[in-house]
Amino acid sequence: MFDGEMAQKGYPLNKMCYSLNGQLGRDQFKADEMAYCDKFGLSEAQKIAVRDRDVLGLIEQGGSIYYLAKFVGMLGLNVQDIGAIQTGKTLEEFKQMLVEAGK
């Protein structure tokens, strides 16, 4: 659950992800990912999740989906991809689940 405690835990991570809105942030991240994480004060667990592209780990470390979307967008993923990862479904299964839920 993304509550106040998780928001505080994830603040550095979410701030870093928000910075990826701009080209300068994306370029700096790509040039030296761990230095960029350090710039924002990410915890070791957060840095490991970034390094490993562990989206579920980033969520567990306080990542908000709204900010993580910037990070995963750089990986060629979108919010539906994250939903599929979270539910253990394929992307097509997840999309079908959304269609069924909307009926």
PDB file of N, CA and C in Angstrom:
ATOM      1  N   MET A   1       0.841  -1.170   0.000  1.00  0.00           N
ATOM      2  CA  MET A   1       0.000   0.000   0.000  1.00  0.00           C
ATOM      3  C   MET A   1       0.891   1.240   0.000  1.00  0.00           C
ATOM      4  N   PHE A   2       0.563   2.190  -0.839  1.00  0.00           N
ATOM      5  CA  PHE A   2       1.339   3.427  -0.917  1.00  0.00           C
ATOM      6  C   PHE A   2       0.740   4.425   0.066  1.00  0.00           C
ATOM      7  N   ASP A   3       1.278   4.399   1.278  1.00  0.00           N
ATOM      8  CA  ASP A   3       0.810   5.289   2.338  1.00  0.00           C
ATOM      9  C   ASP A   3       1.904   6.307   2.647  1.00  0.00           C
ATOM     10  N   GLY A   4       1.722   7.050   3.733  1.00  0.00           N
ATOM     11  CA  GLY A   4       2.691   8.080   4.098  1.00  0.00           C
ATOM     12  C   GLY A   4       4.092   7.537   4.321  1.00  0.00           C
ATOM     13  N   GLU A   5       4.173   6.378   4.964  1.00  0.00           N
ATOM     14  CA  GLU A   5       5.480   5.769   5.223  1.00  0.00           C
ATOM     15  C   GLU A   5       6.179   5.391   3.919  1.00  0.00           C
ATOM     16  N   MET A   6       5.414   4.801   3.003  1.00  0.00           N
ATOM     17  CA  MET A   6       6.006   4.432   1.713  1.00  0.00           C
ATOM     18  C   MET A   6       6.382   5.679   0.910  1.00  0.00           C
ATOM     19  N   ALA A   7       5.583   6.720   1.023  1.00  0.00           N
ATOM     20  CA  ALA A   7       5.888   7.961   0.302  1.00  0.00           C
ATOM     21  C   ALA A   7       7.209   8.544   0.787  1.00  0.00           C
ATOM     22  N   GLN A   8       7.431   8.502   2.095  1.00  0.00           N
ATOM     23  CA  GLN A   8       8.701   9.013   2.622  1.00  0.00           C
ATOM     24  C   GLN A   8       9.864   8.131   2.202  1.00  0.00           C
ATOM     25  N   LYS A   9       9.657   6.827   2.272  1.00  0.00           N
ATOM     26  CA  LYS A   9      10.701   5.877   1.866  1.00  0.00           C
ATOM     27  C   LYS A   9      11.072   6.096   0.397  1.00  0.00           C
ATOM     28  N   GLY A  10      10.066   6.328  -0.428  1.00  0.00           N
ATOM     29  CA  GLY A  10      10.292   6.440  -1.866  1.00  0.00           C
ATOM     30  C   GLY A  10      10.603   7.833  -2.371  1.00  0.00           C
ATOM     31  N   TYR A  11      10.608   8.823  -1.476  1.00  0.00           N
ATOM     32  CA  TYR A  11      10.794  10.203  -1.930  1.00  0.00           C
ATOM     33  C   TYR A  11      12.032  10.383  -2.820  1.00  0.00           C
ATOM     34  N   PRO A  12      13.220   9.928  -2.406  1.00  0.00           N
ATOM     35  CA  PRO A  12      14.390  10.124  -3.281  1.00  0.00           C
ATOM     36  C   PRO A  12      14.218   9.433  -4.648  1.00  0.00           C
ATOM     37  N   LEU A  13      13.686   8.228  -4.627  1.00  0.00           N
ATOM     38  CA  LEU A  13      13.466   7.477  -5.869  1.00  0.00           C
ATOM     39  C   LEU A  13      12.484   8.210  -6.773  1.00  0.00           C
ATOM     40  N   ASN A  14      11.374   8.657  -6.200  1.00  0.00           N
ATOM     41  CA  ASN A  14      10.357   9.339  -6.998  1.00  0.00           C
ATOM     42  C   ASN A  14      10.861  10.677  -7.518  1.00  0.00           C
ATOM     43  N   LYS A  15      11.660  11.363  -6.713  1.00  0.00           N
ATOM     44  CA  LYS A  15      12.244  12.623  -7.161  1.00  0.00           C
ATOM     45  C   LYS A  15      13.181  12.378  -8.346  1.00  0.00           C
ATOM     46  N   MET A  16      13.980  11.310  -8.266  1.00  0.00           N
ATOM     47  CA  MET A  16      14.868  10.983  -9.376  1.00  0.00           C
ATOM     48  C   MET A  16      14.056  10.656 -10.628  1.00  0.00           C
ATOM     49  N   CYS A  17      13.035   9.829 -10.456  1.00  0.00           N
ATOM     50  CA  CYS A  17      12.214   9.456 -11.615  1.00  0.00           C
ATOM     51  C   CYS A  17      11.566  10.686 -12.243  1.00  0.00           C
ATOM     52  N   TYR A  18      11.094  11.611 -11.417  1.00  0.00           N
ATOM     53  CA  TYR A  18      10.484  12.839 -11.935  1.00  0.00           C
ATOM     54  C   TYR A  18      11.492  13.618 -12.776  1.00  0.00           C
ATOM     55  N   SER A  19      12.754  13.605 -12.353  1.00  0.00           N
ATOM     56  CA  SER A  19      13.782  14.350 -13.085  1.00  0.00           C
ATOM     57  C   SER A  19      13.989  13.805 -14.495  1.00  0.00           C
ATOM     58  N   LEU A  20      13.525  12.585 -14.734  1.00  0.00           N
ATOM     59  CA  LEU A  20      13.685  11.974 -16.055  1.00  0.00           C
ATOM     60  C   LEU A  20      12.699  12.536 -17.076  1.00  0.00           C
ATOM     61  N   ASN A  21      11.846  13.476 -16.642  1.00  0.00           N
ATOM     62  CA  ASN A  21      10.965  14.170 -17.585  1.00  0.00           C
ATOM     63  C   ASN A  21      11.771  14.983 -18.594  1.00  0.00           C
ATOM     64  N   GLY A  22      12.895  15.501 -18.145  1.00  0.00           N
ATOM     65  CA  GLY A  22      13.711  16.354 -19.005  1.00  0.00           C
ATOM     66  C   GLY A  22      14.829  15.579 -19.680  1.00  0.00           C
ATOM     67  N   GLN A  23      15.198  16.031 -20.848  1.00  0.00           N
ATOM     68  CA  GLN A  23      16.254  15.368 -21.611  1.00  0.00           C
ATOM     69  C   GLN A  23      17.580  15.373 -20.859  1.00  0.00           C
ATOM     70  N   LEU A  24      17.865  16.471 -20.158  1.00  0.00           N
ATOM     71  CA  LEU A  24      19.122  16.556 -19.407  1.00  0.00           C
ATOM     72  C   LEU A  24      19.185  15.445 -18.358  1.00  0.00           C
ATOM     73  N   GLY A  25      18.100  15.228 -17.641  1.00  0.00           N
ATOM     74  CA  GLY A  25      18.062  14.162 -16.644  1.00  0.00           C
ATOM     75  C   GLY A  25      18.267  12.798 -17.270  1.00  0.00           C
ATOM     76  N   ARG A  26      17.600  12.552 -18.378  1.00  0.00           N
ATOM     77  CA  ARG A  26      17.751  11.256 -19.063  1.00  0.00           C
ATOM     78  C   ARG A  26      19.182  11.056 -19.539  1.00  0.00           C
ATOM     79  N   ASP A  27      19.780  12.108 -20.076  1.00  0.00           N
ATOM     80  CA  ASP A  27      21.160  12.002 -20.554  1.00  0.00           C
ATOM     81  C   ASP A  27      22.121  11.733 -19.397  1.00  0.00           C
ATOM     82  N   GLN A  28      21.929  12.433 -18.283  1.00  0.00           N
ATOM     83  CA  GLN A  28      22.801  12.234 -17.124  1.00  0.00           C
ATOM     84  C   GLN A  28      22.624  10.831 -16.548  1.00  0.00           C
ATOM     85  N   PHE A  29      21.398  10.361 -16.499  1.00  0.00           N
ATOM     86  CA  PHE A  29      21.135   9.011 -15.996  1.00  0.00           C
ATOM     87  C   PHE A  29      21.839   7.980 -16.870  1.00  0.00           C
ATOM     88  N   LYS A  30      21.681   8.116 -18.172  1.00  0.00           N
ATOM     89  CA  LYS A  30      22.287   7.154 -19.097  1.00  0.00           C
ATOM     90  C   LYS A  30      23.819   7.191 -19.041  1.00  0.00           C
ATOM     91  N   ALA A  31      24.380   8.345 -18.760  1.00  0.00           N
ATOM     92  CA  ALA A  31      25.838   8.485 -18.715  1.00  0.00           C
ATOM     93  C   ALA A  31      26.438   7.750 -17.514  1.00  0.00           C
ATOM     94  N   ASP A  32      25.763   7.785 -16.367  1.00  0.00           N
ATOM     95  CA  ASP A  32      26.275   7.126 -15.160  1.00  0.00           C
ATOM     96  C   ASP A  32      25.110   6.919 -14.195  1.00  0.00           C
ATOM     97  N   GLU A  33      24.451   5.792 -14.351  1.00  0.00           N
ATOM     98  CA  GLU A  33      23.227   5.526 -13.602  1.00  0.00           C
ATOM     99  C   GLU A  33      23.414   5.595 -12.090  1.00  0.00           C
ATOM    100  N   MET A  34      24.452   4.975 -11.579  1.00  0.00           N
ATOM    101  CA  MET A  34      24.616   4.933 -10.129  1.00  0.00           C
ATOM    102  C   MET A  34      24.992   6.303  -9.564  1.00  0.00           C
ATOM    103  N   ALA A  35      25.778   7.073 -10.299  1.00  0.00           N
ATOM    104  CA  ALA A  35      26.096   8.435  -9.854  1.00  0.00           C
ATOM    105  C   ALA A  35      24.825   9.274  -9.829  1.00  0.00           C
ATOM    106  N   TYR A  36      23.966   9.056 -10.796  1.00  0.00           N
ATOM    107  CA  TYR A  36      22.704   9.792 -10.841  1.00  0.00           C
ATOM    108  C   TYR A  36      21.813   9.388  -9.663  1.00  0.00           C
ATOM    109  N   CYS A  37      21.782   8.119  -9.340  1.00  0.00           N
ATOM    110  CA  CYS A  37      21.025   7.651  -8.167  1.00  0.00           C
ATOM    111  C   CYS A  37      21.585   8.273  -6.896  1.00  0.00           C
ATOM    112  N   ASP A  38      22.902   8.338  -6.794  1.00  0.00           N
ATOM    113  CA  ASP A  38      23.548   8.938  -5.620  1.00  0.00           C
ATOM    114  C   ASP A  38      23.198  10.419  -5.500  1.00  0.00           C
ATOM    115  N   LYS A  39      23.101  11.091  -6.621  1.00  0.00           N
ATOM    116  CA  LYS A  39      22.760  12.518  -6.634  1.00  0.00           C
ATOM    117  C   LYS A  39      21.435  12.769  -5.904  1.00  0.00           C
ATOM    118  N   PHE A  40      20.529  11.807  -5.984  1.00  0.00           N
ATOM    119  CA  PHE A  40      19.208  11.959  -5.365  1.00  0.00           C
ATOM    120  C   PHE A  40      19.100  11.240  -4.021  1.00  0.00           C
ATOM    121  N   GLY A  41      20.171  10.584  -3.599  1.00  0.00           N
ATOM    122  CA  GLY A  41      20.182   9.952  -2.283  1.00  0.00           C
ATOM    123  C   GLY A  41      19.406   8.653  -2.186  1.00  0.00           C
ATOM    124  N   LEU A  42      19.364   7.875  -3.269  1.00  0.00           N
ATOM    125  CA  LEU A  42      18.667   6.597  -3.221  1.00  0.00           C
ATOM    126  C   LEU A  42      19.340   5.646  -2.244  1.00  0.00           C
ATOM    127  N   SER A  43      18.543   4.815  -1.598  1.00  0.00           N
ATOM    128  CA  SER A  43      19.075   3.791  -0.705  1.00  0.00           C
ATOM    129  C   SER A  43      19.757   2.709  -1.539  1.00  0.00           C
ATOM    130  N   GLU A  44      20.522   1.863  -0.871  1.00  0.00           N
ATOM    131  CA  GLU A  44      21.177   0.765  -1.593  1.00  0.00           C
ATOM    132  C   GLU A  44      20.136  -0.147  -2.246  1.00  0.00           C
ATOM    133  N   ALA A  45      19.061  -0.441  -1.533  1.00  0.00           N
ATOM    134  CA  ALA A  45      18.015  -1.308  -2.088  1.00  0.00           C
ATOM    135  C   ALA A  45      17.383  -0.672  -3.319  1.00  0.00           C
ATOM    136  N   GLN A  46      17.171   0.623  -3.277  1.00  0.00           N
ATOM    137  CA  GLN A  46      16.603   1.319  -4.438  1.00  0.00           C
ATOM    138  C   GLN A  46      17.573   1.289  -5.614  1.00  0.00           C
ATOM    139  N   LYS A  47      18.856   1.511  -5.330  1.00  0.00           N
ATOM    140  CA  LYS A  47      19.858   1.485  -6.406  1.00  0.00           C
ATOM    141  C   LYS A  47      19.968   0.097  -7.039  1.00  0.00           C
ATOM    142  N   ILE A  48      19.891  -0.926  -6.224  1.00  0.00           N
ATOM    143  CA  ILE A  48      19.942  -2.291  -6.757  1.00  0.00           C
ATOM    144  C   ILE A  48      18.729  -2.545  -7.654  1.00  0.00           C
ATOM    145  N   ALA A  49      17.556  -2.093  -7.223  1.00  0.00           N
ATOM    146  CA  ALA A  49      16.347  -2.285  -8.030  1.00  0.00           C
ATOM    147  C   ALA A  49      16.443  -1.519  -9.348  1.00  0.00           C
ATOM    148  N   VAL A  50      17.017  -0.310  -9.316  1.00  0.00           N
ATOM    149  CA  VAL A  50      17.226   0.456 -10.551  1.00  0.00           C
ATOM    150  C   VAL A  50      18.183  -0.304 -11.453  1.00  0.00           C
ATOM    151  N   ARG A  51      19.312  -0.719 -10.899  1.00  0.00           N
ATOM    152  CA  ARG A  51      20.327  -1.431 -11.684  1.00  0.00           C
ATOM    153  C   ARG A  51      19.762  -2.687 -12.325  1.00  0.00           C
ATOM    154  N   ASP A  52      18.943  -3.421 -11.550  1.00  0.00           N
ATOM    155  CA  ASP A  52      18.389  -4.691 -12.027  1.00  0.00           C
ATOM    156  C   ASP A  52      17.115  -4.526 -12.849  1.00  0.00           C
ATOM    157  N   ARG A  53      16.646  -3.277 -12.984  1.00  0.00           N
ATOM    158  CA  ARG A  53      15.397  -3.006 -13.718  1.00  0.00           C
ATOM    159  C   ARG A  53      14.237  -3.785 -13.089  1.00  0.00           C
ATOM    160  N   ASP A  54      14.266  -3.854 -11.763  1.00  0.00           N
ATOM    161  CA  ASP A  54      13.291  -4.611 -10.975  1.00  0.00           C
ATOM    162  C   ASP A  54      12.120  -3.701 -10.615  1.00  0.00           C
ATOM    163  N   VAL A  55      11.121  -3.669 -11.475  1.00  0.00           N
ATOM    164  CA  VAL A  55       9.990  -2.771 -11.296  1.00  0.00           C
ATOM    165  C   VAL A  55       9.239  -3.079 -10.003  1.00  0.00           C
ATOM    166  N   LEU A  56       9.009  -4.343  -9.721  1.00  0.00           N
ATOM    167  CA  LEU A  56       8.325  -4.694  -8.467  1.00  0.00           C
ATOM    168  C   LEU A  56       9.163  -4.283  -7.258  1.00  0.00           C
ATOM    169  N   GLY A  57      10.469  -4.442  -7.360  1.00  0.00           N
ATOM    170  CA  GLY A  57      11.355  -4.002  -6.287  1.00  0.00           C
ATOM    171  C   GLY A  57      11.294  -2.498  -6.092  1.00  0.00           C
ATOM    172  N   LEU A  58      11.176  -1.750  -7.170  1.00  0.00           N
ATOM    173  CA  LEU A  58      11.062  -0.298  -7.070  1.00  0.00           C
ATOM    174  C   LEU A  58       9.763   0.096  -6.378  1.00  0.00           C
ATOM    175  N   ILE A  59       8.694  -0.622  -6.669  1.00  0.00           N
ATOM    176  CA  ILE A  59       7.418  -0.358  -6.005  1.00  0.00           C
ATOM    177  C   ILE A  59       7.541  -0.682  -4.518  1.00  0.00           C
ATOM    178  N   GLU A  60       8.181  -1.795  -4.201  1.00  0.00           N
ATOM    179  CA  GLU A  60       8.378  -2.181  -2.798  1.00  0.00           C
ATOM    180  C   GLU A  60       9.254  -1.171  -2.060  1.00  0.00           C
ATOM    181  N   GLN A  61      10.101  -0.469  -2.792  1.00  0.00           N
ATOM    182  CA  GLN A  61      10.990   0.525  -2.185  1.00  0.00           C
ATOM    183  C   GLN A  61      10.376   1.925  -2.174  1.00  0.00           C
ATOM    184  N   GLY A  62       9.067   2.002  -2.373  1.00  0.00           N
ATOM    185  CA  GLY A  62       8.368   3.279  -2.266  1.00  0.00           C
ATOM    186  C   GLY A  62       8.140   4.001  -3.569  1.00  0.00           C
ATOM    187  N   GLY A  63       8.410   3.340  -4.671  1.00  0.00           N
ATOM    188  CA  GLY A  63       8.195   3.972  -5.964  1.00  0.00           C
ATOM    189  C   GLY A  63       6.714   4.136  -6.255  1.00  0.00           C
ATOM    190  N   SER A  64       6.324   5.325  -6.639  1.00  0.00           N
ATOM    191  CA  SER A  64       4.948   5.612  -7.050  1.00  0.00           C
ATOM    192  C   SER A  64       4.836   5.342  -8.545  1.00  0.00           C
ATOM    193  N   ILE A  65       3.770   4.668  -8.919  1.00  0.00           N
ATOM    194  CA  ILE A  65       3.583   4.320 -10.331  1.00  0.00           C
ATOM    195  C   ILE A  65       3.629   5.558 -11.226  1.00  0.00           C
ATOM    196  N   TYR A  66       3.163   6.687 -10.717  1.00  0.00           N
ATOM    197  CA  TYR A  66       3.128   7.908 -11.523  1.00  0.00           C
ATOM    198  C   TYR A  66       4.531   8.408 -11.846  1.00  0.00           C
ATOM    199  N   TYR A  67       5.460   8.210 -10.936  1.00  0.00           N
ATOM    200  CA  TYR A  67       6.845   8.621 -11.179  1.00  0.00           C
ATOM    201  C   TYR A  67       7.638   7.505 -11.852  1.00  0.00           C
ATOM    202  N   LEU A  68       7.361   6.269 -11.456  1.00  0.00           N
ATOM    203  CA  LEU A  68       8.064   5.143 -12.077  1.00  0.00           C
ATOM    204  C   LEU A  68       7.785   5.058 -13.575  1.00  0.00           C
ATOM    205  N   ALA A  69       6.651   5.584 -14.000  1.00  0.00           N
ATOM    206  CA  ALA A  69       6.320   5.565 -15.425  1.00  0.00           C
ATOM    207  C   ALA A  69       7.402   6.251 -16.247  1.00  0.00           C
ATOM    208  N   LYS A  70       8.042   7.252 -15.668  1.00  0.00           N
ATOM    209  CA  LYS A  70       9.131   7.947 -16.372  1.00  0.00           C
ATOM    210  C   LYS A  70      10.337   7.030 -16.540  1.00  0.00           C
ATOM    211  N   PHE A  71      10.637   6.284 -15.482  1.00  0.00           N
ATOM    212  CA  PHE A  71      11.778   5.366 -15.538  1.00  0.00           C
ATOM    213  C   PHE A  71      11.498   4.213 -16.494  1.00  0.00           C
ATOM    214  N   VAL A  72      10.351   3.564 -16.332  1.00  0.00           N
ATOM    215  CA  VAL A  72      10.075   2.400 -17.175  1.00  0.00           C
ATOM    216  C   VAL A  72       9.859   2.804 -18.629  1.00  0.00           C
ATOM    217  N   GLY A  73       9.452   4.047 -18.853  1.00  0.00           N
ATOM    218  CA  GLY A  73       9.327   4.539 -20.223  1.00  0.00           C
ATOM    219  C   GLY A  73      10.670   4.522 -20.942  1.00  0.00           C
ATOM    220  N   MET A  74      11.737   4.792 -20.188  1.00  0.00           N
ATOM    221  CA  MET A  74      13.082   4.724 -20.771  1.00  0.00           C
ATOM    222  C   MET A  74      13.458   3.291 -21.134  1.00  0.00           C
ATOM    223  N   LEU A  75      12.782   2.328 -20.509  1.00  0.00           N
ATOM    224  CA  LEU A  75      13.043   0.912 -20.775  1.00  0.00           C
ATOM    225  C   LEU A  75      12.141   0.362 -21.881  1.00  0.00           C
ATOM    226  N   GLY A  76      11.285   1.233 -22.415  1.00  0.00           N
ATOM    227  CA  GLY A  76      10.372   0.814 -23.467  1.00  0.00           C
ATOM    228  C   GLY A  76       9.100   0.172 -22.931  1.00  0.00           C
ATOM    229  N   LEU A  77       8.804   0.381 -21.649  1.00  0.00           N
ATOM    230  CA  LEU A  77       7.605  -0.182 -21.039  1.00  0.00           C
ATOM    231  C   LEU A  77       6.601   0.938 -20.762  1.00  0.00           C
ATOM    232  N   ASN A  78       5.343   0.537 -20.526  1.00  0.00           N
ATOM    233  CA  ASN A  78       4.320   1.510 -20.155  1.00  0.00           C
ATOM    234  C   ASN A  78       3.570   1.013 -18.918  1.00  0.00           C
ATOM    235  N   VAL A  79       2.565   1.742 -18.494  1.00  0.00           N
ATOM    236  CA  VAL A  79       1.845   1.418 -17.266  1.00  0.00           C
ATOM    237  C   VAL A  79       1.124   0.070 -17.383  1.00  0.00           C
ATOM    238  N   GLN A  80       0.627  -0.279 -18.554  1.00  0.00           N
ATOM    239  CA  GLN A  80      -0.006  -1.595 -18.712  1.00  0.00           C
ATOM    240  C   GLN A  80       1.020  -2.714 -18.560  1.00  0.00           C
ATOM    241  N   ASP A  81       2.232  -2.493 -19.029  1.00  0.00           N
ATOM    242  CA  ASP A  81       3.294  -3.483 -18.821  1.00  0.00           C
ATOM    243  C   ASP A  81       3.531  -3.690 -17.329  1.00  0.00           C
ATOM    244  N   ILE A  82       3.544  -2.584 -16.576  1.00  0.00           N
ATOM    245  CA  ILE A  82       3.751  -2.688 -15.131  1.00  0.00           C
ATOM    246  C   ILE A  82       2.591  -3.445 -14.482  1.00  0.00           C
ATOM    247  N   GLY A  83       1.372  -3.163 -14.908  1.00  0.00           N
ATOM    248  CA  GLY A  83       0.211  -3.885 -14.386  1.00  0.00           C
ATOM    249  C   GLY A  83       0.334  -5.375 -14.629  1.00  0.00           C
ATOM    250  N   ALA A  84       0.797  -5.742 -15.799  1.00  0.00           N
ATOM    251  CA  ALA A  84       0.977  -7.158 -16.113  1.00  0.00           C
ATOM    252  C   ALA A  84       2.037  -7.776 -15.209  1.00  0.00           C
ATOM    253  N   ILE A  85       3.127  -7.060 -14.993  1.00  0.00           N
ATOM    254  CA  ILE A  85       4.189  -7.549 -14.110  1.00  0.00           C
ATOM    255  C   ILE A  85       3.654  -7.735 -12.697  1.00  0.00           C
ATOM    256  N   GLN A  86       2.892  -6.746 -12.215  1.00  0.00           N
ATOM    257  CA  GLN A  86       2.367  -6.802 -10.851  1.00  0.00           C
ATOM    258  C   GLN A  86       1.399  -7.961 -10.643  1.00  0.00           C
ATOM    259  N   THR A  87       0.644  -8.293 -11.665  1.00  0.00           N
ATOM    260  CA  THR A  87      -0.370  -9.343 -11.531  1.00  0.00           C
ATOM    261  C   THR A  87       0.120 -10.713 -11.975  1.00  0.00           C
ATOM    262  N   GLY A  88       1.332 -10.774 -12.508  1.00  0.00           N
ATOM    263  CA  GLY A  88       1.863 -12.052 -12.964  1.00  0.00           C
ATOM    264  C   GLY A  88       1.227 -12.543 -14.252  1.00  0.00           C
ATOM    265  N   LYS A  89       0.681 -11.622 -15.015  1.00  0.00           N
ATOM    266  CA  LYS A  89       0.032 -11.967 -16.276  1.00  0.00           C
ATOM    267  C   LYS A  89       0.889 -11.505 -17.452  1.00  0.00           C
ATOM    268  N   THR A  90       0.599 -12.058 -18.615  1.00  0.00           N
ATOM    269  CA  THR A  90       1.200 -11.505 -19.815  1.00  0.00           C
ATOM    270  C   THR A  90       0.511 -10.176 -20.099  1.00  0.00           C
ATOM    271  N   LEU A  91       1.113  -9.381 -20.959  1.00  0.00           N
ATOM    272  CA  LEU A  91       0.509  -8.106 -21.308  1.00  0.00           C
ATOM    273  C   LEU A  91      -0.877  -8.312 -21.914  1.00  0.00           C
ATOM    274  N   GLU A  92      -1.000  -9.280 -22.796  1.00  0.00           N
ATOM    275  CA  GLU A  92      -2.309  -9.548 -23.423  1.00  0.00           C
ATOM    276  C   GLU A  92      -3.336 -10.009 -22.396  1.00  0.00           C
ATOM    277  N   GLU A  93      -2.941 -10.861 -21.453  1.00  0.00           N
ATOM    278  CA  GLU A  93      -3.856 -11.303 -20.385  1.00  0.00           C
ATOM    279  C   GLU A  93      -4.293 -10.114 -19.534  1.00  0.00           C
ATOM    280  N   PHE A  94      -3.362  -9.230 -19.235  1.00  0.00           N
ATOM    281  CA  PHE A  94      -3.694  -8.070 -18.428  1.00  0.00           C
ATOM    282  C   PHE A  94      -4.666  -7.159 -19.166  1.00  0.00           C
ATOM    283  N   LYS A  95      -4.416  -6.920 -20.449  1.00  0.00           N
ATOM    284  CA  LYS A  95      -5.327  -6.092 -21.242  1.00  0.00           C
ATOM    285  C   LYS A  95      -6.718  -6.702 -21.283  1.00  0.00           C
ATOM    286  N   GLN A  96      -6.793  -8.023 -21.442  1.00  0.00           N
ATOM    287  CA  GLN A  96      -8.090  -8.695 -21.469  1.00  0.00           C
ATOM    288  C   GLN A  96      -8.796  -8.567 -20.125  1.00  0.00           C
ATOM    289  N   MET A  97      -8.021  -8.635 -19.034  1.00  0.00           N
ATOM    290  CA  MET A  97      -8.603  -8.460 -17.698  1.00  0.00           C
ATOM    291  C   MET A  97      -9.216  -7.059 -17.577  1.00  0.00           C
ATOM    292  N   LEU A  98      -8.575  -6.052 -18.125  1.00  0.00           N
ATOM    293  CA  LEU A  98      -9.112  -4.699 -18.088  1.00  0.00           C
ATOM    294  C   LEU A  98     -10.394  -4.599 -18.898  1.00  0.00           C
ATOM    295  N   VAL A  99     -10.398  -5.239 -20.055  1.00  0.00           N
ATOM    296  CA  VAL A  99     -11.606  -5.239 -20.897  1.00  0.00           C
ATOM    297  C   VAL A  99     -12.766  -5.892 -20.146  1.00  0.00           C
ATOM    298  N   GLU A 100     -12.497  -7.048 -19.546  1.00  0.00           N
ATOM    299  CA  GLU A 100     -13.548  -7.758 -18.807  1.00  0.00           C
ATOM    300  C   GLU A 100     -14.047  -6.929 -17.623  1.00  0.00           C
ATOM    301  N   ALA A 101     -13.144  -6.263 -16.933  1.00  0.00           N
ATOM    302  CA  ALA A 101     -13.531  -5.450 -15.776  1.00  0.00           C
ATOM    303  C   ALA A 101     -14.392  -4.265 -16.192  1.00  0.00           C
ATOM    304  N   GLY A 102     -14.233  -3.815 -17.419  1.00  0.00           N
ATOM    305  CA  GLY A 102     -14.987  -2.667 -17.916  1.00  0.00           C
ATOM    306  C   GLY A 102     -16.372  -3.014 -18.435  1.00  0.00           C
ATOM    307  N   LYS A 103     -16.693  -4.288 -18.483  1.00  0.00           N
ATOM    308  CA  LYS A 103     -18.016  -4.696 -19.003  1.00  0.00           C
ATOM    309  C   LYS A 103     -19.091  -4.518 -17.979  1.00  0.00           C
TER     310      LYS A 103
END
